[in-house]
Protein backbone atom coordinates (compact mmCIF):
# COMPACT_ATOMS: atom_id res chain seq x y z
CA MET A 1 26.47 41.17 -18.82
CA PRO A 2 26.29 37.27 -18.37
CA ASP A 3 25.46 35.28 -15.64
CA ILE A 4 27.93 34.19 -13.46
CA LYS A 5 28.08 31.49 -11.17
CA LYS A 6 29.09 32.54 -7.41
CA ILE A 7 29.66 30.36 -4.33
CA TYR A 8 30.74 32.11 -1.11
CA THR A 9 32.40 30.32 1.65
CA GLY A 10 32.93 31.17 5.32
CA ASP A 11 32.05 33.48 7.56
CA GLY A 12 33.17 37.19 8.44
CA THR A 13 36.56 38.47 7.50
CA ASP A 14 37.08 34.68 6.48
CA ARG A 15 34.15 34.64 3.69
CA SER A 16 35.48 33.89 0.06
CA ALA A 17 34.09 33.50 -3.38
CA VAL A 18 34.48 30.90 -5.71
CA ILE A 19 33.40 32.51 -9.17
CA GLU A 20 32.91 30.04 -12.49
CA ILE A 21 34.49 31.62 -15.44
CA ASP A 22 33.75 30.75 -18.81
CA ASP A 23 34.26 31.92 -22.12
CA GLU A 24 31.51 34.78 -22.11
CA ILE A 25 33.32 36.47 -19.33
CA VAL A 26 37.32 36.62 -20.15
CA GLY A 27 36.76 37.91 -24.06
CA LEU A 28 38.37 41.22 -25.48
CA ASN A 29 34.67 43.11 -25.00
CA GLN A 30 33.72 41.40 -21.46
CA PHE A 31 36.93 43.15 -19.65
CA ASN A 32 35.06 45.22 -17.15
CA THR A 33 32.57 41.84 -16.36
CA LEU A 34 35.32 40.34 -14.10
CA SER A 35 36.77 43.28 -12.87
CA ASP A 36 34.15 45.13 -12.14
CA LEU A 37 32.69 41.69 -10.38
CA VAL A 38 36.04 41.33 -8.46
CA SER A 39 35.79 45.17 -6.95
CA ASP A 40 31.95 44.65 -6.14
CA GLU A 41 32.79 41.61 -4.16
CA MET A 42 35.72 43.39 -2.44
CA LYS A 43 33.56 46.30 -1.29
CA GLU A 44 31.43 43.45 0.21
CA GLY A 45 34.15 42.26 2.40
CA ILE A 46 35.48 39.02 0.03
CA LYS A 47 39.52 39.18 0.06
CA SER A 48 39.93 35.71 -1.13
CA PHE A 49 38.67 34.52 -4.53
CA THR A 50 38.92 31.22 -6.44
CA PHE A 51 38.49 31.31 -10.09
CA ASP A 52 37.00 27.70 -11.34
CA LEU A 53 38.00 27.63 -14.94
CA SER A 54 36.44 24.15 -15.54
CA ARG A 55 34.03 25.73 -18.01
CA LEU A 56 36.57 27.70 -19.87
CA ASN A 57 37.76 25.98 -22.97
CA THR A 58 40.50 28.44 -24.64
CA ILE A 59 42.11 31.81 -23.30
CA ASN A 60 43.74 34.29 -25.63
CA SER A 61 46.12 37.08 -24.29
CA SER A 62 43.01 39.51 -23.70
CA GLY A 63 41.60 36.48 -21.09
CA LEU A 64 45.37 36.22 -19.66
CA GLY A 65 45.50 40.18 -19.10
CA ILE A 66 42.04 40.24 -17.52
CA LEU A 67 43.27 37.27 -15.12
CA ILE A 68 46.19 39.49 -14.35
CA SER A 69 44.32 42.62 -13.57
CA CYS A 70 42.04 40.56 -11.20
CA LEU A 71 45.10 39.12 -9.52
CA LYS A 72 46.71 42.59 -9.34
CA LYS A 73 43.63 44.40 -7.95
CA VAL A 74 43.19 41.47 -4.87
CA LYS A 75 46.89 41.65 -4.38
CA ASP A 76 46.83 44.92 -3.72
CA SER A 77 43.99 45.01 -1.39
CA GLY A 78 46.06 42.22 0.57
CA GLY A 79 43.65 39.25 -0.33
CA SER A 80 44.37 36.07 -2.47
CA LEU A 81 43.49 34.59 -5.83
CA LYS A 82 43.78 31.04 -6.86
CA ILE A 83 43.18 29.21 -10.06
CA ILE A 84 41.29 25.79 -10.15
CA ASN A 85 40.13 23.10 -12.85
CA VAL A 86 42.42 24.18 -15.28
CA ASN A 87 42.29 22.07 -18.57
CA GLU A 88 45.29 20.70 -20.04
CA LYS A 89 45.44 23.50 -22.81
CA ILE A 90 44.95 26.44 -20.60
CA LEU A 91 47.12 25.05 -18.57
CA ASN A 92 49.76 24.96 -21.16
CA ILE A 93 49.32 28.59 -22.27
CA PHE A 94 50.10 29.51 -18.45
CA LYS A 95 52.97 27.88 -19.11
CA LEU A 96 54.14 29.22 -22.27
CA THR A 97 53.32 32.23 -20.72
CA LYS A 98 55.25 31.83 -17.47
CA LEU A 99 52.08 32.95 -15.69
CA ASP A 100 51.67 29.37 -13.95
CA ASN A 101 54.80 31.07 -11.53
CA VAL A 102 52.29 34.31 -10.94
CA PHE A 103 48.88 32.41 -10.30
CA GLU A 104 48.50 29.48 -7.30
CA ILE A 105 46.77 26.94 -9.56
CA LYS A 106 45.60 23.37 -9.29
CA THR A 107 44.44 21.39 -12.16
CA SER A 108 41.39 19.86 -10.10
CA ALA A 109 39.48 21.23 -7.02
């Protein structure tokens, strides 16, 4: 499992996690890595997630599927997920696939 950087903010029910996403954890053979991480954090009471994509250089359909799966899992449990620090190339992919209307996306933190 790749080393995943996590930063926690808040306390109790307001606790949230910022997860730094890079090319190693949104590849085709890494589906369970991010999905399992989100599940584990939810078991610990985290409901609010922020995926920081500042270290992600590119994304393909498999990576988008992983992010969609995580969003569904978080929303089904009453939580929220936003994406920050998206580079122009990835933002264009979100726009082309209309996923910019599905995810809350900020180009900077």
